[in-house]
Amino acid sequence: MQPSCHVCRTPLSGGTATCHVCERTFHLRQREDSDDRDCGEVWINEQFLALEYACNPCLGKTTVAGDEPGVGKAH
């Protein structure tokens, strides 16, 4: 069975990353000109000069597909 993105619940294909907050795998476009899915973000940690990855739910941008929204959000 092919692993799936924990954000959109579709099979992982193309670029992927592991969230530094929840440690789950999600879709991440590797290039700006790509049409791949993008379920998170990557940025440079200026203190450690390293790339950091986070999925959209951990960034507070969306909920995980199929999950009930949190209290106070879309209720």
C-alpha atoms as a PDB file:
ATOM      1  CA  MET A   1       0.000   0.000   0.000  1.00  0.00           C
ATOM      2  CA  GLN A   2       1.364   3.397  -0.995  1.00  0.00           C
ATOM      3  CA  PRO A   3       1.759   5.908   1.857  1.00  0.00           C
ATOM      4  CA  SER A   4      -0.506   8.953   1.802  1.00  0.00           C
ATOM      5  CA  CYS A   5      -0.169  12.622   2.680  1.00  0.00           C
ATOM      6  CA  HIS A   6      -1.499  13.199   6.176  1.00  0.00           C
ATOM      7  CA  VAL A   7      -2.955  16.581   5.130  1.00  0.00           C
ATOM      8  CA  CYS A   8      -4.955  15.754   1.973  1.00  0.00           C
ATOM      9  CA  ARG A   9      -5.046  11.948   2.396  1.00  0.00           C
ATOM     10  CA  THR A  10      -4.013  11.323  -1.248  1.00  0.00           C
ATOM     11  CA  PRO A  11      -1.103   9.050  -2.225  1.00  0.00           C
ATOM     12  CA  LEU A  12       2.327  10.622  -1.874  1.00  0.00           C
ATOM     13  CA  SER A  13       3.855  11.381  -5.244  1.00  0.00           C
ATOM     14  CA  GLY A  14       6.253  14.027  -6.472  1.00  0.00           C
ATOM     15  CA  GLY A  15       7.927  16.076  -3.767  1.00  0.00           C
ATOM     16  CA  THR A  16       7.418  15.221  -0.126  1.00  0.00           C
ATOM     17  CA  ALA A  17       8.712  16.433   3.226  1.00  0.00           C
ATOM     18  CA  THR A  18       8.429  15.513   6.890  1.00  0.00           C
ATOM     19  CA  CYS A  19       6.939  18.103   9.240  1.00  0.00           C
ATOM     20  CA  HIS A  20       9.315  19.193  12.006  1.00  0.00           C
ATOM     21  CA  VAL A  21       6.339  19.700  14.349  1.00  0.00           C
ATOM     22  CA  CYS A  22       4.206  16.543  14.006  1.00  0.00           C
ATOM     23  CA  GLU A  23       6.790  14.401  12.149  1.00  0.00           C
ATOM     24  CA  ARG A  24       4.271  13.263   9.497  1.00  0.00           C
ATOM     25  CA  THR A  25       4.857  13.219   5.744  1.00  0.00           C
ATOM     26  CA  PHE A  26       3.105  15.682   3.412  1.00  0.00           C
ATOM     27  CA  HIS A  27       3.210  16.905  -0.214  1.00  0.00           C
ATOM     28  CA  LEU A  28       5.714  19.702  -0.834  1.00  0.00           C
ATOM     29  CA  ARG A  29       6.532  21.170  -4.228  1.00  0.00           C
ATOM     30  CA  GLN A  30      10.258  21.134  -4.842  1.00  0.00           C
ATOM     31  CA  ARG A  31      10.079  23.919  -7.450  1.00  0.00           C
ATOM     32  CA  GLU A  32       7.938  27.035  -7.827  1.00  0.00           C
ATOM     33  CA  ASP A  33       7.164  26.233 -11.483  1.00  0.00           C
ATOM     34  CA  SER A  34       5.846  22.763 -10.612  1.00  0.00           C
ATOM     35  CA  ASP A  35       2.159  21.800 -10.634  1.00  0.00           C
ATOM     36  CA  ASP A  36       2.614  19.269  -7.795  1.00  0.00           C
ATOM     37  CA  ARG A  37       0.506  19.495  -4.641  1.00  0.00           C
ATOM     38  CA  ASP A  38       1.676  21.730  -1.829  1.00  0.00           C
ATOM     39  CA  CYS A  39       0.383  20.832   1.654  1.00  0.00           C
ATOM     40  CA  GLY A  40       2.975  22.745   3.692  1.00  0.00           C
ATOM     41  CA  GLU A  41       5.900  25.146   3.633  1.00  0.00           C
ATOM     42  CA  VAL A  42       9.676  25.220   3.831  1.00  0.00           C
ATOM     43  CA  TRP A  43      11.849  28.103   5.051  1.00  0.00           C
ATOM     44  CA  ILE A  44      15.391  28.802   6.203  1.00  0.00           C
ATOM     45  CA  ASN A  45      15.999  28.897   9.947  1.00  0.00           C
ATOM     46  CA  GLU A  46      18.285  31.900  10.219  1.00  0.00           C
ATOM     47  CA  GLN A  47      19.734  30.839  13.581  1.00  0.00           C
ATOM     48  CA  PHE A  48      20.850  27.381  12.434  1.00  0.00           C
ATOM     49  CA  LEU A  49      21.059  28.074   8.670  1.00  0.00           C
ATOM     50  CA  ALA A  50      19.002  24.970   7.970  1.00  0.00           C
ATOM     51  CA  LEU A  51      15.778  24.238   6.119  1.00  0.00           C
ATOM     52  CA  GLU A  52      12.677  23.715   8.254  1.00  0.00           C
ATOM     53  CA  TYR A  53       9.488  22.048   7.072  1.00  0.00           C
ATOM     54  CA  ALA A  54       5.935  22.244   8.437  1.00  0.00           C
ATOM     55  CA  CYS A  55       2.575  21.006   7.182  1.00  0.00           C
ATOM     56  CA  ASN A  56      -0.358  23.400   6.789  1.00  0.00           C
ATOM     57  CA  PRO A  57      -2.299  22.091   9.846  1.00  0.00           C
ATOM     58  CA  CYS A  58       0.726  22.666  12.117  1.00  0.00           C
ATOM     59  CA  LEU A  59       1.034  26.172  10.653  1.00  0.00           C
ATOM     60  CA  GLY A  60      -2.650  26.804  11.446  1.00  0.00           C
ATOM     61  CA  LYS A  61      -3.532  27.228   7.759  1.00  0.00           C
ATOM     62  CA  THR A  62      -5.918  24.292   7.298  1.00  0.00           C
ATOM     63  CA  THR A  63      -7.266  21.175   8.939  1.00  0.00           C
ATOM     64  CA  VAL A  64      -6.475  17.608   7.951  1.00  0.00           C
ATOM     65  CA  ALA A  65      -8.883  16.223   5.327  1.00  0.00           C
ATOM     66  CA  GLY A  66     -11.736  14.354   6.994  1.00  0.00           C
ATOM     67  CA  ASP A  67     -11.060  15.734  10.486  1.00  0.00           C
ATOM     68  CA  GLU A  68     -13.608  17.698  12.446  1.00  0.00           C
ATOM     69  CA  PRO A  69     -12.659  21.416  12.634  1.00  0.00           C
ATOM     70  CA  GLY A  70     -11.480  22.701  15.982  1.00  0.00           C
ATOM     71  CA  VAL A  71     -13.857  24.524  18.314  1.00  0.00           C
ATOM     72  CA  GLY A  72     -14.484  28.052  17.071  1.00  0.00           C
ATOM     73  CA  LYS A  73     -13.441  27.196  13.512  1.00  0.00           C
ATOM     74  CA  ALA A  74     -16.233  26.705  10.951  1.00  0.00           C
ATOM     75  CA  HIS A  75     -18.760  25.561  13.547  1.00  0.00           C
END
